[in-house]
Amino acid sequence: MKENVIRDKSLQFAIRMVKLANFLREEKREYVLSKQIVRSGTAIGALVREARYGESTNDFLHKLTIALKEAGETEYWIELLFRTDYISKEEYNSVINDIHEIIKILTAITKTIKSSR
């Protein structure tokens, strides 16, 4: 299968969010934010995959735009987890760098599609 950077990065990020949610539930006994982080963090990859089979360029763009919004929401939950002391500074820096990279890629893709119209 052809390499697809956003597909691969969003899948790896989703795996990381599932593991983070498990850590939050098992080690920190945190159940609300863990649901939010796994929902929004895994939605990014699901939307990227769904976009691949979009019915049109507009549909493709729409799904990637929603993925970008989910990435923004995930960024919020990560920051909240850090500011409420559920994750360390090191964990925060690592995860926030990953989501920022995904946001940059999705932003570039959506801008390219919009400018090519």
PDB file of N, CA and C in Angstrom:
ATOM      1  N   MET A   1       0.850  -1.188   0.000  1.00  0.00           N
ATOM      2  CA  MET A   1       0.000   0.000   0.000  1.00  0.00           C
ATOM      3  C   MET A   1       0.891   1.246   0.000  1.00  0.00           C
ATOM      4  N   LYS A   2       0.508   2.227  -0.774  1.00  0.00           N
ATOM      5  CA  LYS A   2       1.268   3.466  -0.883  1.00  0.00           C
ATOM      6  C   LYS A   2       1.331   4.184   0.472  1.00  0.00           C
ATOM      7  N   GLU A   3       2.501   4.757   0.769  1.00  0.00           N
ATOM      8  CA  GLU A   3       2.663   5.485   2.029  1.00  0.00           C
ATOM      9  C   GLU A   3       1.769   6.719   2.036  1.00  0.00           C
ATOM     10  N   ASN A   4       1.098   6.920   3.134  1.00  0.00           N
ATOM     11  CA  ASN A   4       0.226   8.072   3.312  1.00  0.00           C
ATOM     12  C   ASN A   4       0.527   8.627   4.706  1.00  0.00           C
ATOM     13  N   VAL A   5       1.241   9.736   4.748  1.00  0.00           N
ATOM     14  CA  VAL A   5       1.742  10.271   6.016  1.00  0.00           C
ATOM     15  C   VAL A   5       0.618  10.562   7.002  1.00  0.00           C
ATOM     16  N   ILE A   6      -0.425  11.256   6.577  1.00  0.00           N
ATOM     17  CA  ILE A   6      -1.490  11.619   7.515  1.00  0.00           C
ATOM     18  C   ILE A   6      -2.248  10.380   7.981  1.00  0.00           C
ATOM     19  N   ARG A   7      -2.452   9.424   7.084  1.00  0.00           N
ATOM     20  CA  ARG A   7      -3.128   8.186   7.490  1.00  0.00           C
ATOM     21  C   ARG A   7      -2.308   7.476   8.566  1.00  0.00           C
ATOM     22  N   ASP A   8      -1.017   7.341   8.325  1.00  0.00           N
ATOM     23  CA  ASP A   8      -0.146   6.632   9.265  1.00  0.00           C
ATOM     24  C   ASP A   8      -0.019   7.374  10.595  1.00  0.00           C
ATOM     25  N   LYS A   9       0.193   8.682  10.536  1.00  0.00           N
ATOM     26  CA  LYS A   9       0.352   9.464  11.771  1.00  0.00           C
ATOM     27  C   LYS A   9      -0.940   9.492  12.588  1.00  0.00           C
ATOM     28  N   SER A  10      -2.078   9.593  11.914  1.00  0.00           N
ATOM     29  CA  SER A  10      -3.343   9.639  12.653  1.00  0.00           C
ATOM     30  C   SER A  10      -3.657   8.286  13.288  1.00  0.00           C
ATOM     31  N   LEU A  11      -3.269   7.192  12.636  1.00  0.00           N
ATOM     32  CA  LEU A  11      -3.464   5.871  13.237  1.00  0.00           C
ATOM     33  C   LEU A  11      -2.561   5.702  14.459  1.00  0.00           C
ATOM     34  N   GLN A  12      -1.302   6.067  14.331  1.00  0.00           N
ATOM     35  CA  GLN A  12      -0.383   5.968  15.465  1.00  0.00           C
ATOM     36  C   GLN A  12      -0.839   6.854  16.626  1.00  0.00           C
ATOM     37  N   PHE A  13      -1.366   8.026  16.290  1.00  0.00           N
ATOM     38  CA  PHE A  13      -1.865   8.926  17.328  1.00  0.00           C
ATOM     39  C   PHE A  13      -3.085   8.319  18.017  1.00  0.00           C
ATOM     40  N   ALA A  14      -3.977   7.702  17.246  1.00  0.00           N
ATOM     41  CA  ALA A  14      -5.163   7.068  17.830  1.00  0.00           C
ATOM     42  C   ALA A  14      -4.756   5.972  18.811  1.00  0.00           C
ATOM     43  N   ILE A  15      -3.775   5.177  18.425  1.00  0.00           N
ATOM     44  CA  ILE A  15      -3.275   4.124  19.312  1.00  0.00           C
ATOM     45  C   ILE A  15      -2.741   4.746  20.602  1.00  0.00           C
ATOM     46  N   ARG A  16      -2.015   5.819  20.444  1.00  0.00           N
ATOM     47  CA  ARG A  16      -1.456   6.508  21.611  1.00  0.00           C
ATOM     48  C   ARG A  16      -2.560   7.049  22.527  1.00  0.00           C
ATOM     49  N   MET A  17      -3.648   7.560  21.939  1.00  0.00           N
ATOM     50  CA  MET A  17      -4.743   8.093  22.742  1.00  0.00           C
ATOM     51  C   MET A  17      -5.484   6.981  23.480  1.00  0.00           C
ATOM     52  N   VAL A  18      -5.629   5.824  22.857  1.00  0.00           N
ATOM     53  CA  VAL A  18      -6.259   4.686  23.535  1.00  0.00           C
ATOM     54  C   VAL A  18      -5.409   4.278  24.737  1.00  0.00           C
ATOM     55  N   LYS A  19      -4.100   4.220  24.537  1.00  0.00           N
ATOM     56  CA  LYS A  19      -3.198   3.861  25.641  1.00  0.00           C
ATOM     57  C   LYS A  19      -3.211   4.921  26.740  1.00  0.00           C
ATOM     58  N   LEU A  20      -3.279   6.194  26.346  1.00  0.00           N
ATOM     59  CA  LEU A  20      -3.361   7.266  27.333  1.00  0.00           C
ATOM     60  C   LEU A  20      -4.653   7.155  28.135  1.00  0.00           C
ATOM     61  N   ALA A  21      -5.759   6.887  27.463  1.00  0.00           N
ATOM     62  CA  ALA A  21      -7.044   6.745  28.153  1.00  0.00           C
ATOM     63  C   ALA A  21      -6.999   5.574  29.133  1.00  0.00           C
ATOM     64  N   ASN A  22      -6.391   4.477  28.721  1.00  0.00           N
ATOM     65  CA  ASN A  22      -6.252   3.330  29.630  1.00  0.00           C
ATOM     66  C   ASN A  22      -5.426   3.705  30.855  1.00  0.00           C
ATOM     67  N   PHE A  23      -4.332   4.424  30.637  1.00  0.00           N
ATOM     68  CA  PHE A  23      -3.495   4.892  31.746  1.00  0.00           C
ATOM     69  C   PHE A  23      -4.303   5.786  32.689  1.00  0.00           C
ATOM     70  N   LEU A  24      -5.061   6.707  32.124  1.00  0.00           N
ATOM     71  CA  LEU A  24      -5.847   7.627  32.948  1.00  0.00           C
ATOM     72  C   LEU A  24      -6.867   6.881  33.797  1.00  0.00           C
ATOM     73  N   ARG A  25      -7.521   5.890  33.208  1.00  0.00           N
ATOM     74  CA  ARG A  25      -8.525   5.125  33.953  1.00  0.00           C
ATOM     75  C   ARG A  25      -7.876   4.229  35.013  1.00  0.00           C
ATOM     76  N   GLU A  26      -6.826   3.516  34.623  1.00  0.00           N
ATOM     77  CA  GLU A  26      -6.227   2.528  35.524  1.00  0.00           C
ATOM     78  C   GLU A  26      -5.341   3.147  36.606  1.00  0.00           C
ATOM     79  N   GLU A  27      -4.551   4.135  36.232  1.00  0.00           N
ATOM     80  CA  GLU A  27      -3.583   4.704  37.175  1.00  0.00           C
ATOM     81  C   GLU A  27      -4.099   5.946  37.902  1.00  0.00           C
ATOM     82  N   LYS A  28      -4.880   6.748  37.231  1.00  0.00           N
ATOM     83  CA  LYS A  28      -5.331   8.024  37.802  1.00  0.00           C
ATOM     84  C   LYS A  28      -6.796   8.005  38.224  1.00  0.00           C
ATOM     85  N   ARG A  29      -7.497   6.936  37.878  1.00  0.00           N
ATOM     86  CA  ARG A  29      -8.932   6.819  38.177  1.00  0.00           C
ATOM     87  C   ARG A  29      -9.719   8.003  37.623  1.00  0.00           C
ATOM     88  N   GLU A  30      -9.374   8.371  36.419  1.00  0.00           N
ATOM     89  CA  GLU A  30     -10.024   9.493  35.737  1.00  0.00           C
ATOM     90  C   GLU A  30     -10.856   8.899  34.608  1.00  0.00           C
ATOM     91  N   TYR A  31     -12.165   9.184  34.603  1.00  0.00           N
ATOM     92  CA  TYR A  31     -13.058   8.521  33.662  1.00  0.00           C
ATOM     93  C   TYR A  31     -13.732   9.452  32.666  1.00  0.00           C
ATOM     94  N   VAL A  32     -13.831  10.715  32.957  1.00  0.00           N
ATOM     95  CA  VAL A  32     -14.524  11.650  32.066  1.00  0.00           C
ATOM     96  C   VAL A  32     -13.600  12.129  30.950  1.00  0.00           C
ATOM     97  N   LEU A  33     -12.461  12.694  31.318  1.00  0.00           N
ATOM     98  CA  LEU A  33     -11.529  13.208  30.308  1.00  0.00           C
ATOM     99  C   LEU A  33     -10.957  12.085  29.453  1.00  0.00           C
ATOM    100  N   SER A  34     -10.802  10.905  30.034  1.00  0.00           N
ATOM    101  CA  SER A  34     -10.275   9.776  29.262  1.00  0.00           C
ATOM    102  C   SER A  34     -11.224   9.406  28.121  1.00  0.00           C
ATOM    103  N   LYS A  35     -12.521   9.508  28.355  1.00  0.00           N
ATOM    104  CA  LYS A  35     -13.492   9.238  27.279  1.00  0.00           C
ATOM    105  C   LYS A  35     -13.395  10.297  26.187  1.00  0.00           C
ATOM    106  N   GLN A  36     -13.234  11.536  26.593  1.00  0.00           N
ATOM    107  CA  GLN A  36     -13.146  12.629  25.623  1.00  0.00           C
ATOM    108  C   GLN A  36     -11.901  12.492  24.751  1.00  0.00           C
ATOM    109  N   ILE A  37     -10.758  12.189  25.380  1.00  0.00           N
ATOM    110  CA  ILE A  37      -9.503  12.121  24.646  1.00  0.00           C
ATOM    111  C   ILE A  37      -9.508  10.946  23.673  1.00  0.00           C
ATOM    112  N   VAL A  38     -10.108   9.843  24.061  1.00  0.00           N
ATOM    113  CA  VAL A  38     -10.144   8.697  23.150  1.00  0.00           C
ATOM    114  C   VAL A  38     -11.145   8.943  22.020  1.00  0.00           C
ATOM    115  N   ARG A  39     -12.244   9.630  22.306  1.00  0.00           N
ATOM    116  CA  ARG A  39     -13.239   9.904  21.271  1.00  0.00           C
ATOM    117  C   ARG A  39     -12.673  10.841  20.208  1.00  0.00           C
ATOM    118  N   SER A  40     -12.171  11.987  20.641  1.00  0.00           N
ATOM    119  CA  SER A  40     -11.675  12.959  19.657  1.00  0.00           C
ATOM    120  C   SER A  40     -10.351  12.517  19.042  1.00  0.00           C
ATOM    121  N   GLY A  41      -9.498  11.870  19.832  1.00  0.00           N
ATOM    122  CA  GLY A  41      -8.191  11.456  19.333  1.00  0.00           C
ATOM    123  C   GLY A  41      -8.243  10.334  18.319  1.00  0.00           C
ATOM    124  N   THR A  42      -9.257   9.475  18.422  1.00  0.00           N
ATOM    125  CA  THR A  42      -9.404   8.402  17.435  1.00  0.00           C
ATOM    126  C   THR A  42     -10.253   8.833  16.246  1.00  0.00           C
ATOM    127  N   ALA A  43     -11.082   9.845  16.421  1.00  0.00           N
ATOM    128  CA  ALA A  43     -11.926  10.329  15.325  1.00  0.00           C
ATOM    129  C   ALA A  43     -11.095  10.895  14.179  1.00  0.00           C
ATOM    130  N   ILE A  44      -9.937  11.451  14.492  1.00  0.00           N
ATOM    131  CA  ILE A  44      -9.084  12.054  13.457  1.00  0.00           C
ATOM    132  C   ILE A  44      -8.745  11.018  12.395  1.00  0.00           C
ATOM    133  N   GLY A  45      -8.209   9.895  12.827  1.00  0.00           N
ATOM    134  CA  GLY A  45      -7.825   8.842  11.889  1.00  0.00           C
ATOM    135  C   GLY A  45      -9.014   8.246  11.160  1.00  0.00           C
ATOM    136  N   ALA A  46     -10.126   8.084  11.872  1.00  0.00           N
ATOM    137  CA  ALA A  46     -11.326   7.536  11.240  1.00  0.00           C
ATOM    138  C   ALA A  46     -11.814   8.459  10.121  1.00  0.00           C
ATOM    139  N   LEU A  47     -11.786   9.749  10.360  1.00  0.00           N
ATOM    140  CA  LEU A  47     -12.216  10.715   9.341  1.00  0.00           C
ATOM    141  C   LEU A  47     -11.246  10.765   8.165  1.00  0.00           C
ATOM    142  N   VAL A  48      -9.958  10.639   8.443  1.00  0.00           N
ATOM    143  CA  VAL A  48      -8.964  10.602   7.364  1.00  0.00           C
ATOM    144  C   VAL A  48      -9.224   9.387   6.478  1.00  0.00           C
ATOM    145  N   ARG A  49      -9.486   8.247   7.083  1.00  0.00           N
ATOM    146  CA  ARG A  49      -9.790   7.035   6.309  1.00  0.00           C
ATOM    147  C   ARG A  49     -11.087   7.197   5.531  1.00  0.00           C
ATOM    148  N   GLU A  50     -12.082   7.769   6.169  1.00  0.00           N
ATOM    149  CA  GLU A  50     -13.371   7.976   5.511  1.00  0.00           C
ATOM    150  C   GLU A  50     -13.221   8.920   4.324  1.00  0.00           C
ATOM    151  N   ALA A  51     -12.399   9.943   4.467  1.00  0.00           N
ATOM    152  CA  ALA A  51     -12.188  10.917   3.388  1.00  0.00           C
ATOM    153  C   ALA A  51     -11.614  10.253   2.148  1.00  0.00           C
ATOM    154  N   ARG A  52     -10.807   9.247   2.359  1.00  0.00           N
ATOM    155  CA  ARG A  52     -10.187   8.530   1.234  1.00  0.00           C
ATOM    156  C   ARG A  52     -11.235   8.007   0.257  1.00  0.00           C
ATOM    157  N   TYR A  53     -12.402   7.687   0.764  1.00  0.00           N
ATOM    158  CA  TYR A  53     -13.474   7.145  -0.063  1.00  0.00           C
ATOM    159  C   TYR A  53     -14.598   8.159  -0.279  1.00  0.00           C
ATOM    160  N   GLY A  54     -14.246   9.421  -0.195  1.00  0.00           N
ATOM    161  CA  GLY A  54     -15.240  10.477  -0.386  1.00  0.00           C
ATOM    162  C   GLY A  54     -15.878  10.422  -1.764  1.00  0.00           C
ATOM    163  N   GLU A  55     -17.098  10.865  -1.833  1.00  0.00           N
ATOM    164  CA  GLU A  55     -17.855  10.833  -3.081  1.00  0.00           C
ATOM    165  C   GLU A  55     -17.425  11.919  -4.048  1.00  0.00           C
ATOM    166  N   SER A  56     -16.784  12.949  -3.535  1.00  0.00           N
ATOM    167  CA  SER A  56     -16.367  14.072  -4.373  1.00  0.00           C
ATOM    168  C   SER A  56     -15.229  14.804  -3.668  1.00  0.00           C
ATOM    169  N   THR A  57     -14.658  15.772  -4.362  1.00  0.00           N
ATOM    170  CA  THR A  57     -13.624  16.601  -3.742  1.00  0.00           C
ATOM    171  C   THR A  57     -14.203  17.364  -2.560  1.00  0.00           C
ATOM    172  N   ASN A  58     -15.437  17.838  -2.711  1.00  0.00           N
ATOM    173  CA  ASN A  58     -16.090  18.549  -1.601  1.00  0.00           C
ATOM    174  C   ASN A  58     -16.264  17.643  -0.385  1.00  0.00           C
ATOM    175  N   ASP A  59     -16.661  16.403  -0.620  1.00  0.00           N
ATOM    176  CA  ASP A  59     -16.834  15.443   0.468  1.00  0.00           C
ATOM    177  C   ASP A  59     -15.489  15.150   1.134  1.00  0.00           C
ATOM    178  N   PHE A  60     -14.450  14.957   0.328  1.00  0.00           N
ATOM    179  CA  PHE A  60     -13.093  14.726   0.823  1.00  0.00           C
ATOM    180  C   PHE A  60     -12.651  15.888   1.711  1.00  0.00           C
ATOM    181  N   LEU A  61     -12.825  17.106   1.210  1.00  0.00           N
ATOM    182  CA  LEU A  61     -12.447  18.303   1.954  1.00  0.00           C
ATOM    183  C   LEU A  61     -13.248  18.423   3.251  1.00  0.00           C
ATOM    184  N   HIS A  62     -14.538  18.157   3.173  1.00  0.00           N
ATOM    185  CA  HIS A  62     -15.405  18.254   4.350  1.00  0.00           C
ATOM    186  C   HIS A  62     -14.937  17.317   5.465  1.00  0.00           C
ATOM    187  N   LYS A  63     -14.634  16.080   5.107  1.00  0.00           N
ATOM    188  CA  LYS A  63     -14.204  15.107   6.110  1.00  0.00           C
ATOM    189  C   LYS A  63     -12.852  15.485   6.716  1.00  0.00           C
ATOM    190  N   LEU A  64     -11.940  15.986   5.898  1.00  0.00           N
ATOM    191  CA  LEU A  64     -10.642  16.412   6.429  1.00  0.00           C
ATOM    192  C   LEU A  64     -10.775  17.661   7.295  1.00  0.00           C
ATOM    193  N   THR A  65     -11.728  18.519   6.961  1.00  0.00           N
ATOM    194  CA  THR A  65     -11.984  19.701   7.786  1.00  0.00           C
ATOM    195  C   THR A  65     -12.528  19.287   9.155  1.00  0.00           C
ATOM    196  N   ILE A  66     -13.400  18.300   9.173  1.00  0.00           N
ATOM    197  CA  ILE A  66     -13.908  17.793  10.451  1.00  0.00           C
ATOM    198  C   ILE A  66     -12.772  17.136  11.239  1.00  0.00           C
ATOM    199  N   ALA A  67     -11.892  16.408  10.551  1.00  0.00           N
ATOM    200  CA  ALA A  67     -10.727  15.803  11.218  1.00  0.00           C
ATOM    201  C   ALA A  67      -9.866  16.888  11.862  1.00  0.00           C
ATOM    202  N   LEU A  68      -9.711  18.003  11.169  1.00  0.00           N
ATOM    203  CA  LEU A  68      -8.940  19.127  11.706  1.00  0.00           C
ATOM    204  C   LEU A  68      -9.610  19.691  12.962  1.00  0.00           C
ATOM    205  N   LYS A  69     -10.932  19.790  12.945  1.00  0.00           N
ATOM    206  CA  LYS A  69     -11.662  20.256  14.131  1.00  0.00           C
ATOM    207  C   LYS A  69     -11.490  19.286  15.297  1.00  0.00           C
ATOM    208  N   GLU A  70     -11.536  17.992  15.015  1.00  0.00           N
ATOM    209  CA  GLU A  70     -11.320  16.986  16.063  1.00  0.00           C
ATOM    210  C   GLU A  70      -9.905  17.091  16.628  1.00  0.00           C
ATOM    211  N   ALA A  71      -8.946  17.387  15.759  1.00  0.00           N
ATOM    212  CA  ALA A  71      -7.560  17.567  16.213  1.00  0.00           C
ATOM    213  C   ALA A  71      -7.465  18.766  17.153  1.00  0.00           C
ATOM    214  N   GLY A  72      -8.166  19.839  16.813  1.00  0.00           N
ATOM    215  CA  GLY A  72      -8.191  21.011  17.687  1.00  0.00           C
ATOM    216  C   GLY A  72      -8.817  20.701  19.035  1.00  0.00           C
ATOM    217  N   GLU A  73      -9.886  19.921  19.022  1.00  0.00           N
ATOM    218  CA  GLU A  73     -10.519  19.523  20.280  1.00  0.00           C
ATOM    219  C   GLU A  73      -9.573  18.640  21.099  1.00  0.00           C
ATOM    220  N   THR A  74      -8.893  17.736  20.432  1.00  0.00           N
ATOM    221  CA  THR A  74      -7.948  16.856  21.123  1.00  0.00           C
ATOM    222  C   THR A  74      -6.826  17.665  21.762  1.00  0.00           C
ATOM    223  N   GLU A  75      -6.364  18.679  21.055  1.00  0.00           N
ATOM    224  CA  GLU A  75      -5.339  19.571  21.598  1.00  0.00           C
ATOM    225  C   GLU A  75      -5.826  20.187  22.916  1.00  0.00           C
ATOM    226  N   TYR A  76      -7.082  20.602  22.949  1.00  0.00           N
ATOM    227  CA  TYR A  76      -7.679  21.171  24.159  1.00  0.00           C
ATOM    228  C   TYR A  76      -7.658  20.168  25.310  1.00  0.00           C
ATOM    229  N   TRP A  77      -8.091  18.915  25.056  1.00  0.00           N
ATOM    230  CA  TRP A  77      -8.138  17.906  26.116  1.00  0.00           C
ATOM    231  C   TRP A  77      -6.737  17.588  26.631  1.00  0.00           C
ATOM    232  N   ILE A  78      -5.758  17.557  25.727  1.00  0.00           N
ATOM    233  CA  ILE A  78      -4.376  17.300  26.149  1.00  0.00           C
ATOM    234  C   ILE A  78      -3.901  18.416  27.084  1.00  0.00           C
ATOM    235  N   GLU A  79      -4.176  19.653  26.692  1.00  0.00           N
ATOM    236  CA  GLU A  79      -3.774  20.776  27.537  1.00  0.00           C
ATOM    237  C   GLU A  79      -4.477  20.723  28.893  1.00  0.00           C
ATOM    238  N   LEU A  80      -5.750  20.390  28.889  1.00  0.00           N
ATOM    239  CA  LEU A  80      -6.503  20.288  30.140  1.00  0.00           C
ATOM    240  C   LEU A  80      -5.938  19.181  31.037  1.00  0.00           C
ATOM    241  N   LEU A  81      -5.587  18.051  30.448  1.00  0.00           N
ATOM    242  CA  LEU A  81      -4.987  16.965  31.232  1.00  0.00           C
ATOM    243  C   LEU A  81      -3.683  17.405  31.883  1.00  0.00           C
ATOM    244  N   PHE A  82      -2.903  18.178  31.152  1.00  0.00           N
ATOM    245  CA  PHE A  82      -1.643  18.670  31.707  1.00  0.00           C
ATOM    246  C   PHE A  82      -1.890  19.690  32.816  1.00  0.00           C
ATOM    247  N   ARG A  83      -2.768  20.638  32.567  1.00  0.00           N
ATOM    248  CA  ARG A  83      -3.003  21.712  33.539  1.00  0.00           C
ATOM    249  C   ARG A  83      -3.719  21.240  34.803  1.00  0.00           C
ATOM    250  N   THR A  84      -4.312  20.060  34.732  1.00  0.00           N
ATOM    251  CA  THR A  84      -4.952  19.486  35.923  1.00  0.00           C
ATOM    252  C   THR A  84      -4.104  18.361  36.523  1.00  0.00           C
ATOM    253  N   ASP A  85      -2.854  18.299  36.101  1.00  0.00           N
ATOM    254  CA  ASP A  85      -1.853  17.379  36.666  1.00  0.00           C
ATOM    255  C   ASP A  85      -2.137  15.893  36.447  1.00  0.00           C
ATOM    256  N   TYR A  86      -2.863  15.561  35.394  1.00  0.00           N
ATOM    257  CA  TYR A  86      -3.061  14.146  35.071  1.00  0.00           C
ATOM    258  C   TYR A  86      -1.905  13.582  34.251  1.00  0.00           C
ATOM    259  N   ILE A  87      -1.206  14.448  33.504  1.00  0.00           N
ATOM    260  CA  ILE A  87      -0.032  14.002  32.756  1.00  0.00           C
ATOM    261  C   ILE A  87       1.137  14.937  33.074  1.00  0.00           C
ATOM    262  N   SER A  88       2.332  14.390  32.982  1.00  0.00           N
ATOM    263  CA  SER A  88       3.539  15.156  33.303  1.00  0.00           C
ATOM    264  C   SER A  88       3.900  16.107  32.160  1.00  0.00           C
ATOM    265  N   LYS A  89       4.820  17.005  32.438  1.00  0.00           N
ATOM    266  CA  LYS A  89       5.315  17.942  31.425  1.00  0.00           C
ATOM    267  C   LYS A  89       5.926  17.178  30.246  1.00  0.00           C
ATOM    268  N   GLU A  90       6.665  16.117  30.521  1.00  0.00           N
ATOM    269  CA  GLU A  90       7.286  15.316  29.467  1.00  0.00           C
ATOM    270  C   GLU A  90       6.233  14.633  28.599  1.00  0.00           C
ATOM    271  N   GLU A  91       5.222  14.054  29.237  1.00  0.00           N
ATOM    272  CA  GLU A  91       4.133  13.411  28.490  1.00  0.00           C
ATOM    273  C   GLU A  91       3.390  14.448  27.657  1.00  0.00           C
ATOM    274  N   TYR A  92       3.121  15.578  28.274  1.00  0.00           N
ATOM    275  CA  TYR A  92       2.429  16.658  27.575  1.00  0.00           C
ATOM    276  C   TYR A  92       3.206  17.092  26.336  1.00  0.00           C
ATOM    277  N   ASN A  93       4.495  17.372  26.499  1.00  0.00           N
ATOM    278  CA  ASN A  93       5.307  17.838  25.370  1.00  0.00           C
ATOM    279  C   ASN A  93       5.312  16.836  24.225  1.00  0.00           C
ATOM    280  N   SER A  94       5.417  15.586  24.547  1.00  0.00           N
ATOM    281  CA  SER A  94       5.448  14.552  23.521  1.00  0.00           C
ATOM    282  C   SER A  94       4.120  14.466  22.764  1.00  0.00           C
ATOM    283  N   VAL A  95       3.028  14.408  23.507  1.00  0.00           N
ATOM    284  CA  VAL A  95       1.706  14.266  22.887  1.00  0.00           C
ATOM    285  C   VAL A  95       1.301  15.542  22.155  1.00  0.00           C
ATOM    286  N   ILE A  96       1.587  16.697  22.730  1.00  0.00           N
ATOM    287  CA  ILE A  96       1.191  17.954  22.086  1.00  0.00           C
ATOM    288  C   ILE A  96       1.967  18.156  20.790  1.00  0.00           C
ATOM    289  N   ASN A  97       3.225  17.720  20.760  1.00  0.00           N
ATOM    290  CA  ASN A  97       3.991  17.803  19.512  1.00  0.00           C
ATOM    291  C   ASN A  97       3.369  16.938  18.428  1.00  0.00           C
ATOM    292  N   ASP A  98       2.899  15.755  18.800  1.00  0.00           N
ATOM    293  CA  ASP A  98       2.245  14.872  17.827  1.00  0.00           C
ATOM    294  C   ASP A  98       0.981  15.511  17.256  1.00  0.00           C
ATOM    295  N   ILE A  99       0.138  16.071  18.127  1.00  0.00           N
ATOM    296  CA  ILE A  99      -1.112  16.646  17.627  1.00  0.00           C
ATOM    297  C   ILE A  99      -0.839  17.906  16.817  1.00  0.00           C
ATOM    298  N   HIS A 100       0.178  18.673  17.183  1.00  0.00           N
ATOM    299  CA  HIS A 100       0.520  19.857  16.388  1.00  0.00           C
ATOM    300  C   HIS A 100       0.994  19.457  14.995  1.00  0.00           C
ATOM    301  N   GLU A 101       1.727  18.376  14.897  1.00  0.00           N
ATOM    302  CA  GLU A 101       2.174  17.890  13.591  1.00  0.00           C
ATOM    303  C   GLU A 101       0.982  17.459  12.735  1.00  0.00           C
ATOM    304  N   ILE A 102       0.034  16.772  13.340  1.00  0.00           N
ATOM    305  CA  ILE A 102      -1.173  16.355  12.621  1.00  0.00           C
ATOM    306  C   ILE A 102      -1.971  17.574  12.175  1.00  0.00           C
ATOM    307  N   ILE A 103      -2.106  18.563  13.037  1.00  0.00           N
ATOM    308  CA  ILE A 103      -2.825  19.793  12.686  1.00  0.00           C
ATOM    309  C   ILE A 103      -2.148  20.489  11.507  1.00  0.00           C
ATOM    310  N   LYS A 104      -0.836  20.567  11.513  1.00  0.00           N
ATOM    311  CA  LYS A 104      -0.109  21.202  10.406  1.00  0.00           C
ATOM    312  C   LYS A 104      -0.339  20.468   9.093  1.00  0.00           C
ATOM    313  N   ILE A 105      -0.298  19.145   9.132  1.00  0.00           N
ATOM    314  CA  ILE A 105      -0.503  18.359   7.915  1.00  0.00           C
ATOM    315  C   ILE A 105      -1.922  18.541   7.395  1.00  0.00           C
ATOM    316  N   LEU A 106      -2.910  18.425   8.271  1.00  0.00           N
ATOM    317  CA  LEU A 106      -4.307  18.589   7.848  1.00  0.00           C
ATOM    318  C   LEU A 106      -4.572  19.997   7.328  1.00  0.00           C
ATOM    319  N   THR A 107      -3.988  20.992   7.970  1.00  0.00           N
ATOM    320  CA  THR A 107      -4.141  22.375   7.509  1.00  0.00           C
ATOM    321  C   THR A 107      -3.559  22.538   6.112  1.00  0.00           C
ATOM    322  N   ALA A 108      -2.388  21.982   5.885  1.00  0.00           N
ATOM    323  CA  ALA A 108      -1.746  22.080   4.566  1.00  0.00           C
ATOM    324  C   ALA A 108      -2.583  21.386   3.496  1.00  0.00           C
ATOM    325  N   ILE A 109      -3.104  20.209   3.805  1.00  0.00           N
ATOM    326  CA  ILE A 109      -3.918  19.477   2.830  1.00  0.00           C
ATOM    327  C   ILE A 109      -5.177  20.261   2.490  1.00  0.00           C
ATOM    328  N   THR A 110      -5.881  20.751   3.509  1.00  0.00           N
ATOM    329  CA  THR A 110      -7.131  21.468   3.245  1.00  0.00           C
ATOM    330  C   THR A 110      -6.883  22.773   2.499  1.00  0.00           C
ATOM    331  N   LYS A 111      -5.798  23.472   2.822  1.00  0.00           N
ATOM    332  CA  LYS A 111      -5.472  24.709   2.096  1.00  0.00           C
ATOM    333  C   LYS A 111      -5.148  24.418   0.639  1.00  0.00           C
ATOM    334  N   THR A 112      -4.423  23.348   0.388  1.00  0.00           N
ATOM    335  CA  THR A 112      -4.077  22.971  -0.986  1.00  0.00           C
ATOM    336  C   THR A 112      -5.330  22.660  -1.789  1.00  0.00           C
ATOM    337  N   ILE A 113      -6.243  21.915  -1.200  1.00  0.00           N
ATOM    338  CA  ILE A 113      -7.490  21.575  -1.894  1.00  0.00           C
ATOM    339  C   ILE A 113      -8.291  22.839  -2.190  1.00  0.00           C
ATOM    340  N   LYS A 114      -8.411  23.712  -1.205  1.00  0.00           N
ATOM    341  CA  LYS A 114      -9.177  24.950  -1.400  1.00  0.00           C
ATOM    342  C   LYS A 114      -8.559  25.836  -2.471  1.00  0.00           C
ATOM    343  N   SER A 115      -7.243  25.901  -2.518  1.00  0.00           N
ATOM    344  CA  SER A 115      -6.580  26.777  -3.497  1.00  0.00           C
ATOM    345  C   SER A 115      -6.592  26.199  -4.906  1.00  0.00           C
ATOM    346  N   SER A 116      -6.822  24.900  -5.027  1.00  0.00           N
ATOM    347  CA  SER A 116      -6.827  24.280  -6.355  1.00  0.00           C
ATOM    348  C   SER A 116      -8.202  24.307  -7.006  1.00  0.00           C
ATOM    349  N   ARG A 117      -9.151  24.906  -6.356  1.00  0.00           N
ATOM    350  CA  ARG A 117     -10.522  24.964  -6.902  1.00  0.00           C
ATOM    351  C   ARG A 117     -10.680  26.075  -7.886  1.00  0.00           C
TER     352      ARG A 117
END
